[in-house]
Amino acid sequence: MTKKELIDLVKHQINVELPNDPDDLLNKKRKILHTQIDRRNYYATASLLNKLGIRFESHVEDYYFIYV
């Protein structure tokens, strides 16, 4: 699964847009998506990622690393 496929899947399943900023230095790795997840969307997004078996971890404030 690529970053684009993951972003599209989350958008389709729970209607949450995960930003993928190409200028973010932490987003340069191919298999790690550094993205912001709002608090109001966190539980739905975390539930979907856990259901799919995709690992993620908190970084700073509302930013997360998602391991694709």
C-alpha atoms as a PDB file:
ATOM      1  CA  MET A   1       0.000   0.000   0.000  1.00  0.00           C
ATOM      2  CA  THR A   2       1.293   3.462  -0.873  1.00  0.00           C
ATOM      3  CA  LYS A   3       0.678   6.736   0.932  1.00  0.00           C
ATOM      4  CA  LYS A   4      -1.802   7.809  -1.753  1.00  0.00           C
ATOM      5  CA  GLU A   5      -3.742   4.538  -1.471  1.00  0.00           C
ATOM      6  CA  LEU A   6      -3.896   4.893   2.313  1.00  0.00           C
ATOM      7  CA  ILE A   7      -5.098   8.497   2.100  1.00  0.00           C
ATOM      8  CA  ASP A   8      -7.750   7.518  -0.460  1.00  0.00           C
ATOM      9  CA  LEU A   9      -8.886   4.551   1.653  1.00  0.00           C
ATOM     10  CA  VAL A  10      -9.297   6.664   4.803  1.00  0.00           C
ATOM     11  CA  LYS A  11     -11.164   9.329   2.809  1.00  0.00           C
ATOM     12  CA  HIS A  12     -13.489   6.695   1.329  1.00  0.00           C
ATOM     13  CA  GLN A  13     -14.120   4.766   4.561  1.00  0.00           C
ATOM     14  CA  ILE A  14     -14.574   7.535   7.144  1.00  0.00           C
ATOM     15  CA  ASN A  15     -14.494  10.758   5.095  1.00  0.00           C
ATOM     16  CA  VAL A  16     -11.366  12.128   6.797  1.00  0.00           C
ATOM     17  CA  GLU A  17      -8.712  13.805   4.659  1.00  0.00           C
ATOM     18  CA  LEU A  18      -5.150  13.054   5.821  1.00  0.00           C
ATOM     19  CA  PRO A  19      -2.807  15.815   4.630  1.00  0.00           C
ATOM     20  CA  ASN A  20       0.370  14.711   2.832  1.00  0.00           C
ATOM     21  CA  ASP A  21       2.616  17.776   2.649  1.00  0.00           C
ATOM     22  CA  PRO A  22       5.505  17.058   0.242  1.00  0.00           C
ATOM     23  CA  ASP A  23       7.495  20.001   1.685  1.00  0.00           C
ATOM     24  CA  ASP A  24       7.485  18.422   5.174  1.00  0.00           C
ATOM     25  CA  LEU A  25      10.981  16.999   5.775  1.00  0.00           C
ATOM     26  CA  LEU A  26       9.496  14.205   7.903  1.00  0.00           C
ATOM     27  CA  ASN A  27       7.416  13.116   4.906  1.00  0.00           C
ATOM     28  CA  LYS A  28      10.414  12.320   2.687  1.00  0.00           C
ATOM     29  CA  LYS A  29      10.499   8.612   3.596  1.00  0.00           C
ATOM     30  CA  ARG A  30       8.520   6.373   1.264  1.00  0.00           C
ATOM     31  CA  LYS A  31       6.919   4.164   3.909  1.00  0.00           C
ATOM     32  CA  ILE A  32       6.132   6.777   6.599  1.00  0.00           C
ATOM     33  CA  LEU A  33       3.322   9.310   6.359  1.00  0.00           C
ATOM     34  CA  HIS A  34       3.703  12.289   8.705  1.00  0.00           C
ATOM     35  CA  THR A  35       0.238  13.763   8.936  1.00  0.00           C
ATOM     36  CA  GLN A  36      -2.096  15.747  11.147  1.00  0.00           C
ATOM     37  CA  ILE A  37      -5.180  14.088  12.621  1.00  0.00           C
ATOM     38  CA  ASP A  38      -7.610  16.422  14.377  1.00  0.00           C
ATOM     39  CA  ARG A  39      -8.834  15.414  17.810  1.00  0.00           C
ATOM     40  CA  ARG A  40     -12.426  15.182  16.582  1.00  0.00           C
ATOM     41  CA  ASN A  41     -11.339  12.652  13.914  1.00  0.00           C
ATOM     42  CA  TYR A  42      -8.755  10.782  15.980  1.00  0.00           C
ATOM     43  CA  TYR A  43     -10.915   7.929  17.296  1.00  0.00           C
ATOM     44  CA  ALA A  44     -12.458   7.092  13.923  1.00  0.00           C
ATOM     45  CA  THR A  45      -9.059   7.215  12.213  1.00  0.00           C
ATOM     46  CA  ALA A  46      -7.270   5.231  14.928  1.00  0.00           C
ATOM     47  CA  SER A  47     -10.019   2.608  14.889  1.00  0.00           C
ATOM     48  CA  LEU A  48      -9.747   2.191  11.111  1.00  0.00           C
ATOM     49  CA  LEU A  49      -5.944   1.989  11.181  1.00  0.00           C
ATOM     50  CA  ASN A  50      -6.052  -0.618  13.961  1.00  0.00           C
ATOM     51  CA  LYS A  51      -8.660  -2.609  12.037  1.00  0.00           C
ATOM     52  CA  LEU A  52      -6.390  -2.582   8.965  1.00  0.00           C
ATOM     53  CA  GLY A  53      -3.338  -3.534  11.048  1.00  0.00           C
ATOM     54  CA  ILE A  54      -1.500  -0.312  10.233  1.00  0.00           C
ATOM     55  CA  ARG A  55       0.870   0.939  12.916  1.00  0.00           C
ATOM     56  CA  PHE A  56       0.891   4.615  13.902  1.00  0.00           C
ATOM     57  CA  GLU A  57       2.385   6.688  16.693  1.00  0.00           C
ATOM     58  CA  SER A  58       1.987  10.145  18.117  1.00  0.00           C
ATOM     59  CA  HIS A  59       4.617  12.748  17.307  1.00  0.00           C
ATOM     60  CA  VAL A  60       3.860  16.344  18.369  1.00  0.00           C
ATOM     61  CA  GLU A  61       0.447  17.785  19.242  1.00  0.00           C
ATOM     62  CA  ASP A  62      -1.967  16.469  16.566  1.00  0.00           C
ATOM     63  CA  TYR A  63       0.727  15.072  14.269  1.00  0.00           C
ATOM     64  CA  TYR A  64       1.289  11.347  13.791  1.00  0.00           C
ATOM     65  CA  PHE A  65       3.606   8.973  11.986  1.00  0.00           C
ATOM     66  CA  ILE A  66       1.683   6.319  10.043  1.00  0.00           C
ATOM     67  CA  TYR A  67       3.774   3.361   8.874  1.00  0.00           C
ATOM     68  CA  VAL A  68       2.484   2.334   5.469  1.00  0.00           C
END
